[in-house]
Amino acid sequence: MPRFEPALGISNLLDRILADRPFLCGDNLTLADIPAGTSLYRYFGIDIERPPVPNVEAWYRRLQERPAYREHIIVPFGELYGRLDY
């Protein structure tokens, strides 16, 4: 698990940031949520132990409710393997 320790530290930091707001910069989705949010699908999709981060999990659920997130981010891993043209 040592290889995942940086990700675990970041998830704890995000959890503290999201403790009093629905999105990273406040009440609305902003550009800050997009790059951080793209990593969540992969982070929650791998089989590792994670610390409890209820605020990050709630944020992830809010992102999943967005049609663009579902269409462009929640893509099966298999579709990405060996793909050279994006």
PDB file of N, CA and C in Angstrom:
ATOM      1  N   MET A   1       0.803  -1.215   0.000  1.00  0.00           N
ATOM      2  CA  MET A   1       0.000   0.000   0.000  1.00  0.00           C
ATOM      3  C   MET A   1       0.843   1.276   0.000  1.00  0.00           C
ATOM      4  N   PRO A   2       2.145   1.268   0.236  1.00  0.00           N
ATOM      5  CA  PRO A   2       2.917   2.511   0.269  1.00  0.00           C
ATOM      6  C   PRO A   2       2.811   3.330  -1.017  1.00  0.00           C
ATOM      7  N   ARG A   3       2.609   2.690  -2.167  1.00  0.00           N
ATOM      8  CA  ARG A   3       2.513   3.442  -3.420  1.00  0.00           C
ATOM      9  C   ARG A   3       1.276   4.321  -3.448  1.00  0.00           C
ATOM     10  N   PHE A   4       0.265   3.995  -2.656  1.00  0.00           N
ATOM     11  CA  PHE A   4      -0.971   4.756  -2.661  1.00  0.00           C
ATOM     12  C   PHE A   4      -1.024   5.821  -1.570  1.00  0.00           C
ATOM     13  N   GLU A   5      -0.015   5.890  -0.725  1.00  0.00           N
ATOM     14  CA  GLU A   5      -0.031   6.846   0.382  1.00  0.00           C
ATOM     15  C   GLU A   5      -0.214   8.298  -0.068  1.00  0.00           C
ATOM     16  N   PRO A   6       0.434   8.747  -1.147  1.00  0.00           N
ATOM     17  CA  PRO A   6       0.177  10.141  -1.582  1.00  0.00           C
ATOM     18  C   PRO A   6      -1.293  10.375  -1.926  1.00  0.00           C
ATOM     19  N   ALA A   7      -1.920   9.413  -2.586  1.00  0.00           N
ATOM     20  CA  ALA A   7      -3.343   9.566  -2.931  1.00  0.00           C
ATOM     21  C   ALA A   7      -4.200   9.606  -1.676  1.00  0.00           C
ATOM     22  N   LEU A   8      -3.847   8.827  -0.684  1.00  0.00           N
ATOM     23  CA  LEU A   8      -4.612   8.824   0.563  1.00  0.00           C
ATOM     24  C   LEU A   8      -4.479  10.164   1.275  1.00  0.00           C
ATOM     25  N   GLY A   9      -3.293  10.741   1.243  1.00  0.00           N
ATOM     26  CA  GLY A   9      -3.092  12.055   1.853  1.00  0.00           C
ATOM     27  C   GLY A   9      -3.896  13.132   1.145  1.00  0.00           C
ATOM     28  N   ILE A  10      -3.946  13.051  -0.174  1.00  0.00           N
ATOM     29  CA  ILE A  10      -4.717  14.026  -0.948  1.00  0.00           C
ATOM     30  C   ILE A  10      -6.199  13.868  -0.663  1.00  0.00           C
ATOM     31  N   SER A  11      -6.671  12.629  -0.540  1.00  0.00           N
ATOM     32  CA  SER A  11      -8.100  12.435  -0.263  1.00  0.00           C
ATOM     33  C   SER A  11      -8.470  13.005   1.102  1.00  0.00           C
ATOM     34  N   ASN A  12      -7.580  12.907   2.070  1.00  0.00           N
ATOM     35  CA  ASN A  12      -7.846  13.503   3.388  1.00  0.00           C
ATOM     36  C   ASN A  12      -7.866  15.027   3.304  1.00  0.00           C
ATOM     37  N   LEU A  13      -6.958  15.594   2.522  1.00  0.00           N
ATOM     38  CA  LEU A  13      -6.940  17.046   2.325  1.00  0.00           C
ATOM     39  C   LEU A  13      -8.232  17.503   1.643  1.00  0.00           C
ATOM     40  N   LEU A  14      -8.629  16.810   0.585  1.00  0.00           N
ATOM     41  CA  LEU A  14      -9.879  17.160  -0.098  1.00  0.00           C
ATOM     42  C   LEU A  14     -11.068  17.051   0.848  1.00  0.00           C
ATOM     43  N   ASP A  15     -11.059  16.044   1.695  1.00  0.00           N
ATOM     44  CA  ASP A  15     -12.166  15.866   2.632  1.00  0.00           C
ATOM     45  C   ASP A  15     -12.287  17.060   3.575  1.00  0.00           C
ATOM     46  N   ARG A  16     -11.151  17.574   4.031  1.00  0.00           N
ATOM     47  CA  ARG A  16     -11.177  18.762   4.897  1.00  0.00           C
ATOM     48  C   ARG A  16     -11.680  19.989   4.135  1.00  0.00           C
ATOM     49  N   ILE A  17     -11.230  20.147   2.893  1.00  0.00           N
ATOM     50  CA  ILE A  17     -11.666  21.289   2.084  1.00  0.00           C
ATOM     51  C   ILE A  17     -13.168  21.242   1.842  1.00  0.00           C
ATOM     52  N   LEU A  18     -13.693  20.051   1.586  1.00  0.00           N
ATOM     53  CA  LEU A  18     -15.103  19.883   1.246  1.00  0.00           C
ATOM     54  C   LEU A  18     -16.018  19.793   2.466  1.00  0.00           C
ATOM     55  N   ALA A  19     -15.466  19.954   3.637  1.00  0.00           N
ATOM     56  CA  ALA A  19     -16.261  19.827   4.865  1.00  0.00           C
ATOM     57  C   ALA A  19     -17.375  20.859   4.961  1.00  0.00           C
ATOM     58  N   ASP A  20     -17.168  22.030   4.384  1.00  0.00           N
ATOM     59  CA  ASP A  20     -18.165  23.095   4.531  1.00  0.00           C
ATOM     60  C   ASP A  20     -18.660  23.647   3.201  1.00  0.00           C
ATOM     61  N   ARG A  21     -18.486  22.857   2.127  1.00  0.00           N
ATOM     62  CA  ARG A  21     -18.926  23.327   0.812  1.00  0.00           C
ATOM     63  C   ARG A  21     -19.191  22.132  -0.100  1.00  0.00           C
ATOM     64  N   PRO A  22     -20.091  22.282  -1.058  1.00  0.00           N
ATOM     65  CA  PRO A  22     -20.391  21.166  -1.955  1.00  0.00           C
ATOM     66  C   PRO A  22     -19.361  20.952  -3.066  1.00  0.00           C
ATOM     67  N   PHE A  23     -18.642  22.008  -3.438  1.00  0.00           N
ATOM     68  CA  PHE A  23     -17.616  21.907  -4.468  1.00  0.00           C
ATOM     69  C   PHE A  23     -16.338  22.568  -3.949  1.00  0.00           C
ATOM     70  N   LEU A  24     -15.230  22.346  -4.627  1.00  0.00           N
ATOM     71  CA  LEU A  24     -13.941  22.801  -4.110  1.00  0.00           C
ATOM     72  C   LEU A  24     -13.872  24.295  -3.827  1.00  0.00           C
ATOM     73  N   CYS A  25     -14.499  25.105  -4.669  1.00  0.00           N
ATOM     74  CA  CYS A  25     -14.428  26.556  -4.477  1.00  0.00           C
ATOM     75  C   CYS A  25     -15.707  27.157  -3.924  1.00  0.00           C
ATOM     76  N   GLY A  26     -16.616  26.333  -3.469  1.00  0.00           N
ATOM     77  CA  GLY A  26     -17.837  26.891  -2.891  1.00  0.00           C
ATOM     78  C   GLY A  26     -19.088  26.149  -3.303  1.00  0.00           C
ATOM     79  N   ASP A  27     -20.122  26.927  -3.607  1.00  0.00           N
ATOM     80  CA  ASP A  27     -21.436  26.354  -3.882  1.00  0.00           C
ATOM     81  C   ASP A  27     -21.622  25.840  -5.299  1.00  0.00           C
ATOM     82  N   ASN A  28     -20.739  26.209  -6.210  1.00  0.00           N
ATOM     83  CA  ASN A  28     -20.909  25.839  -7.616  1.00  0.00           C
ATOM     84  C   ASN A  28     -19.691  25.114  -8.153  1.00  0.00           C
ATOM     85  N   LEU A  29     -19.929  24.266  -9.141  1.00  0.00           N
ATOM     86  CA  LEU A  29     -18.853  23.597  -9.846  1.00  0.00           C
ATOM     87  C   LEU A  29     -17.982  24.650 -10.538  1.00  0.00           C
ATOM     88  N   THR A  30     -16.662  24.496 -10.423  1.00  0.00           N
ATOM     89  CA  THR A  30     -15.732  25.402 -11.094  1.00  0.00           C
ATOM     90  C   THR A  30     -14.653  24.585 -11.788  1.00  0.00           C
ATOM     91  N   LEU A  31     -13.773  25.272 -12.455  1.00  0.00           N
ATOM     92  CA  LEU A  31     -12.664  24.611 -13.129  1.00  0.00           C
ATOM     93  C   LEU A  31     -11.821  23.791 -12.141  1.00  0.00           C
ATOM     94  N   ALA A  32     -11.776  24.164 -10.897  1.00  0.00           N
ATOM     95  CA  ALA A  32     -11.006  23.423  -9.892  1.00  0.00           C
ATOM     96  C   ALA A  32     -11.531  22.007  -9.697  1.00  0.00           C
ATOM     97  N   ASP A  33     -12.829  21.813  -9.836  1.00  0.00           N
ATOM     98  CA  ASP A  33     -13.425  20.497  -9.617  1.00  0.00           C
ATOM     99  C   ASP A  33     -13.116  19.513 -10.743  1.00  0.00           C
ATOM    100  N   ILE A  34     -12.891  20.018 -11.938  1.00  0.00           N
ATOM    101  CA  ILE A  34     -12.761  19.143 -13.098  1.00  0.00           C
ATOM    102  C   ILE A  34     -11.514  18.252 -13.036  1.00  0.00           C
ATOM    103  N   PRO A  35     -10.299  18.804 -12.920  1.00  0.00           N
ATOM    104  CA  PRO A  35      -9.140  17.898 -12.882  1.00  0.00           C
ATOM    105  C   PRO A  35      -9.119  17.010 -11.641  1.00  0.00           C
ATOM    106  N   ALA A  36      -9.514  17.555 -10.513  1.00  0.00           N
ATOM    107  CA  ALA A  36      -9.540  16.738  -9.300  1.00  0.00           C
ATOM    108  C   ALA A  36     -10.618  15.663  -9.420  1.00  0.00           C
ATOM    109  N   GLY A  37     -11.748  16.027  -9.972  1.00  0.00           N
ATOM    110  CA  GLY A  37     -12.854  15.079 -10.109  1.00  0.00           C
ATOM    111  C   GLY A  37     -12.589  13.957 -11.082  1.00  0.00           C
ATOM    112  N   THR A  38     -11.744  14.207 -12.084  1.00  0.00           N
ATOM    113  CA  THR A  38     -11.453  13.138 -13.044  1.00  0.00           C
ATOM    114  C   THR A  38     -10.685  11.994 -12.385  1.00  0.00           C
ATOM    115  N   SER A  39      -9.893  12.303 -11.392  1.00  0.00           N
ATOM    116  CA  SER A  39      -9.128  11.266 -10.695  1.00  0.00           C
ATOM    117  C   SER A  39      -9.999  10.403  -9.794  1.00  0.00           C
ATOM    118  N   LEU A  40     -11.115  10.924  -9.360  1.00  0.00           N
ATOM    119  CA  LEU A  40     -11.955  10.178  -8.423  1.00  0.00           C
ATOM    120  C   LEU A  40     -12.491   8.879  -8.992  1.00  0.00           C
ATOM    121  N   TYR A  41     -12.881   8.894 -10.257  1.00  0.00           N
ATOM    122  CA  TYR A  41     -13.418   7.677 -10.859  1.00  0.00           C
ATOM    123  C   TYR A  41     -12.381   6.563 -10.798  1.00  0.00           C
ATOM    124  N   ARG A  42     -11.155   6.882 -11.114  1.00  0.00           N
ATOM    125  CA  ARG A  42     -10.093   5.871 -11.053  1.00  0.00           C
ATOM    126  C   ARG A  42      -9.792   5.501  -9.597  1.00  0.00           C
ATOM    127  N   TYR A  43      -9.726   6.489  -8.732  1.00  0.00           N
ATOM    128  CA  TYR A  43      -9.411   6.251  -7.318  1.00  0.00           C
ATOM    129  C   TYR A  43     -10.435   5.320  -6.674  1.00  0.00           C
ATOM    130  N   PHE A  44     -11.715   5.582  -6.910  1.00  0.00           N
ATOM    131  CA  PHE A  44     -12.746   4.746  -6.305  1.00  0.00           C
ATOM    132  C   PHE A  44     -12.939   3.435  -7.061  1.00  0.00           C
ATOM    133  N   GLY A  45     -12.334   3.316  -8.256  1.00  0.00           N
ATOM    134  CA  GLY A  45     -12.477   2.107  -9.041  1.00  0.00           C
ATOM    135  C   GLY A  45     -11.420   1.056  -8.777  1.00  0.00           C
ATOM    136  N   ILE A  46     -10.357   1.410  -8.054  1.00  0.00           N
ATOM    137  CA  ILE A  46      -9.317   0.414  -7.768  1.00  0.00           C
ATOM    138  C   ILE A  46      -9.565  -0.212  -6.400  1.00  0.00           C
ATOM    139  N   ASP A  47      -9.129  -1.443  -6.272  1.00  0.00           N
ATOM    140  CA  ASP A  47      -9.376  -2.211  -5.059  1.00  0.00           C
ATOM    141  C   ASP A  47      -8.254  -1.971  -4.037  1.00  0.00           C
ATOM    142  N   ILE A  48      -8.406  -0.902  -3.253  1.00  0.00           N
ATOM    143  CA  ILE A  48      -7.453  -0.597  -2.188  1.00  0.00           C
ATOM    144  C   ILE A  48      -8.251  -0.181  -0.953  1.00  0.00           C
ATOM    145  N   GLU A  49      -7.594  -0.248   0.168  1.00  0.00           N
ATOM    146  CA  GLU A  49      -8.207   0.286   1.389  1.00  0.00           C
ATOM    147  C   GLU A  49      -8.098   1.796   1.339  1.00  0.00           C
ATOM    148  N   ARG A  50      -9.184   2.453   1.714  1.00  0.00           N
ATOM    149  CA  ARG A  50      -9.201   3.916   1.741  1.00  0.00           C
ATOM    150  C   ARG A  50      -9.652   4.382   3.107  1.00  0.00           C
ATOM    151  N   PRO A  51      -9.131   5.522   3.537  1.00  0.00           N
ATOM    152  CA  PRO A  51      -9.643   6.077   4.793  1.00  0.00           C
ATOM    153  C   PRO A  51     -11.072   6.571   4.556  1.00  0.00           C
ATOM    154  N   PRO A  52     -11.873   6.657   5.595  1.00  0.00           N
ATOM    155  CA  PRO A  52     -13.212   7.225   5.419  1.00  0.00           C
ATOM    156  C   PRO A  52     -13.096   8.711   5.073  1.00  0.00           C
ATOM    157  N   VAL A  53     -13.668   9.082   3.957  1.00  0.00           N
ATOM    158  CA  VAL A  53     -13.660  10.480   3.502  1.00  0.00           C
ATOM    159  C   VAL A  53     -15.083  10.836   3.053  1.00  0.00           C
ATOM    160  N   PRO A  54     -15.982  11.014   3.995  1.00  0.00           N
ATOM    161  CA  PRO A  54     -17.398  11.214   3.648  1.00  0.00           C
ATOM    162  C   PRO A  54     -17.654  12.446   2.784  1.00  0.00           C
ATOM    163  N   ASN A  55     -16.880  13.494   2.966  1.00  0.00           N
ATOM    164  CA  ASN A  55     -17.090  14.698   2.155  1.00  0.00           C
ATOM    165  C   ASN A  55     -16.653  14.488   0.714  1.00  0.00           C
ATOM    166  N   VAL A  56     -15.572  13.759   0.511  1.00  0.00           N
ATOM    167  CA  VAL A  56     -15.118  13.439  -0.845  1.00  0.00           C
ATOM    168  C   VAL A  56     -16.132  12.510  -1.511  1.00  0.00           C
ATOM    169  N   GLU A  57     -16.632  11.536  -0.762  1.00  0.00           N
ATOM    170  CA  GLU A  57     -17.620  10.609  -1.316  1.00  0.00           C
ATOM    171  C   GLU A  57     -18.895  11.345  -1.720  1.00  0.00           C
ATOM    172  N   ALA A  58     -19.332  12.307  -0.926  1.00  0.00           N
ATOM    173  CA  ALA A  58     -20.519  13.100  -1.264  1.00  0.00           C
ATOM    174  C   ALA A  58     -20.245  13.960  -2.506  1.00  0.00           C
ATOM    175  N   TRP A  59     -19.066  14.533  -2.586  1.00  0.00           N
ATOM    176  CA  TRP A  59     -18.668  15.333  -3.754  1.00  0.00           C
ATOM    177  C   TRP A  59     -18.655  14.460  -5.005  1.00  0.00           C
ATOM    178  N   TYR A  60     -18.101  13.257  -4.878  1.00  0.00           N
ATOM    179  CA  TYR A  60     -18.064  12.316  -6.000  1.00  0.00           C
ATOM    180  C   TYR A  60     -19.486  11.984  -6.468  1.00  0.00           C
ATOM    181  N   ARG A  61     -20.406  11.780  -5.536  1.00  0.00           N
ATOM    182  CA  ARG A  61     -21.809  11.523  -5.910  1.00  0.00           C
ATOM    183  C   ARG A  61     -22.398  12.727  -6.649  1.00  0.00           C
ATOM    184  N   ARG A  62     -22.086  13.934  -6.193  1.00  0.00           N
ATOM    185  CA  ARG A  62     -22.579  15.132  -6.886  1.00  0.00           C
ATOM    186  C   ARG A  62     -22.019  15.212  -8.306  1.00  0.00           C
ATOM    187  N   LEU A  63     -20.740  14.885  -8.465  1.00  0.00           N
ATOM    188  CA  LEU A  63     -20.146  14.892  -9.800  1.00  0.00           C
ATOM    189  C   LEU A  63     -20.802  13.844 -10.693  1.00  0.00           C
ATOM    190  N   GLN A  64     -21.070  12.665 -10.134  1.00  0.00           N
ATOM    191  CA  GLN A  64     -21.689  11.595 -10.910  1.00  0.00           C
ATOM    192  C   GLN A  64     -23.099  11.954 -11.376  1.00  0.00           C
ATOM    193  N   GLU A  65     -23.750  12.876 -10.723  1.00  0.00           N
ATOM    194  CA  GLU A  65     -25.088  13.308 -11.130  1.00  0.00           C
ATOM    195  C   GLU A  65     -25.043  14.167 -12.395  1.00  0.00           C
ATOM    196  N   ARG A  66     -23.893  14.675 -12.733  1.00  0.00           N
ATOM    197  CA  ARG A  66     -23.753  15.577 -13.877  1.00  0.00           C
ATOM    198  C   ARG A  66     -23.612  14.760 -15.167  1.00  0.00           C
ATOM    199  N   PRO A  67     -24.456  15.029 -16.168  1.00  0.00           N
ATOM    200  CA  PRO A  67     -24.396  14.269 -17.415  1.00  0.00           C
ATOM    201  C   PRO A  67     -23.012  14.282 -18.086  1.00  0.00           C
ATOM    202  N   ALA A  68     -22.338  15.419 -18.111  1.00  0.00           N
ATOM    203  CA  ALA A  68     -21.019  15.496 -18.751  1.00  0.00           C
ATOM    204  C   ALA A  68     -19.997  14.628 -18.029  1.00  0.00           C
ATOM    205  N   TYR A  69     -20.075  14.556 -16.712  1.00  0.00           N
ATOM    206  CA  TYR A  69     -19.155  13.711 -15.946  1.00  0.00           C
ATOM    207  C   TYR A  69     -19.393  12.244 -16.298  1.00  0.00           C
ATOM    208  N   ARG A  70     -20.658  11.861 -16.346  1.00  0.00           N
ATOM    209  CA  ARG A  70     -20.985  10.468 -16.676  1.00  0.00           C
ATOM    210  C   ARG A  70     -20.530  10.127 -18.102  1.00  0.00           C
ATOM    211  N   GLU A  71     -20.705  11.047 -19.016  1.00  0.00           N
ATOM    212  CA  GLU A  71     -20.394  10.777 -20.422  1.00  0.00           C
ATOM    213  C   GLU A  71     -18.895  10.775 -20.712  1.00  0.00           C
ATOM    214  N   HIS A  72     -18.154  11.684 -20.095  1.00  0.00           N
ATOM    215  CA  HIS A  72     -16.746  11.853 -20.462  1.00  0.00           C
ATOM    216  C   HIS A  72     -15.748  11.290 -19.466  1.00  0.00           C
ATOM    217  N   ILE A  73     -16.138  11.099 -18.239  1.00  0.00           N
ATOM    218  CA  ILE A  73     -15.197  10.630 -17.218  1.00  0.00           C
ATOM    219  C   ILE A  73     -15.437   9.170 -16.844  1.00  0.00           C
ATOM    220  N   ILE A  74     -16.672   8.805 -16.664  1.00  0.00           N
ATOM    221  CA  ILE A  74     -16.985   7.439 -16.250  1.00  0.00           C
ATOM    222  C   ILE A  74     -16.967   6.547 -17.489  1.00  0.00           C
ATOM    223  N   VAL A  75     -15.758   6.240 -17.910  1.00  0.00           N
ATOM    224  CA  VAL A  75     -15.521   5.431 -19.098  1.00  0.00           C
ATOM    225  C   VAL A  75     -14.825   4.152 -18.637  1.00  0.00           C
ATOM    226  N   PRO A  76     -15.301   2.998 -19.070  1.00  0.00           N
ATOM    227  CA  PRO A  76     -14.635   1.752 -18.659  1.00  0.00           C
ATOM    228  C   PRO A  76     -13.152   1.763 -19.021  1.00  0.00           C
ATOM    229  N   PHE A  77     -12.339   1.198 -18.150  1.00  0.00           N
ATOM    230  CA  PHE A  77     -10.896   1.163 -18.374  1.00  0.00           C
ATOM    231  C   PHE A  77     -10.545   0.502 -19.700  1.00  0.00           C
ATOM    232  N   GLY A  78     -11.252  -0.551 -20.057  1.00  0.00           N
ATOM    233  CA  GLY A  78     -10.955  -1.300 -21.272  1.00  0.00           C
ATOM    234  C   GLY A  78     -10.978  -0.441 -22.522  1.00  0.00           C
ATOM    235  N   GLU A  79     -11.827   0.575 -22.542  1.00  0.00           N
ATOM    236  CA  GLU A  79     -11.906   1.443 -23.712  1.00  0.00           C
ATOM    237  C   GLU A  79     -10.666   2.324 -23.864  1.00  0.00           C
ATOM    238  N   LEU A  80      -9.887   2.453 -22.827  1.00  0.00           N
ATOM    239  CA  LEU A  80      -8.703   3.327 -22.875  1.00  0.00           C
ATOM    240  C   LEU A  80      -7.428   2.592 -23.243  1.00  0.00           C
ATOM    241  N   TYR A  81      -7.383   1.281 -23.065  1.00  0.00           N
ATOM    242  CA  TYR A  81      -6.171   0.519 -23.337  1.00  0.00           C
ATOM    243  C   TYR A  81      -5.848   0.495 -24.821  1.00  0.00           C
ATOM    244  N   GLY A  82      -4.609   0.792 -25.160  1.00  0.00           N
ATOM    245  CA  GLY A  82      -4.132   0.708 -26.520  1.00  0.00           C
ATOM    246  C   GLY A  82      -4.705   1.753 -27.458  1.00  0.00           C
ATOM    247  N   ARG A  83      -5.294   2.753 -26.930  1.00  0.00           N
ATOM    248  CA  ARG A  83      -5.914   3.781 -27.755  1.00  0.00           C
ATOM    249  C   ARG A  83      -4.903   4.898 -28.006  1.00  0.00           C
ATOM    250  N   LEU A  84      -4.581   5.122 -29.243  1.00  0.00           N
ATOM    251  CA  LEU A  84      -3.584   6.135 -29.570  1.00  0.00           C
ATOM    252  C   LEU A  84      -4.201   7.439 -30.047  1.00  0.00           C
ATOM    253  N   ASP A  85      -5.391   7.387 -30.593  1.00  0.00           N
ATOM    254  CA  ASP A  85      -6.022   8.621 -31.056  1.00  0.00           C
ATOM    255  C   ASP A  85      -7.147   8.997 -30.111  1.00  0.00           C
ATOM    256  N   TYR A  86      -7.043  10.157 -29.527  1.00  0.00           N
ATOM    257  CA  TYR A  86      -8.043  10.612 -28.572  1.00  0.00           C
ATOM    258  C   TYR A  86      -8.859  11.637 -29.256  1.00  0.00           C
TER     259      TYR A  86
END
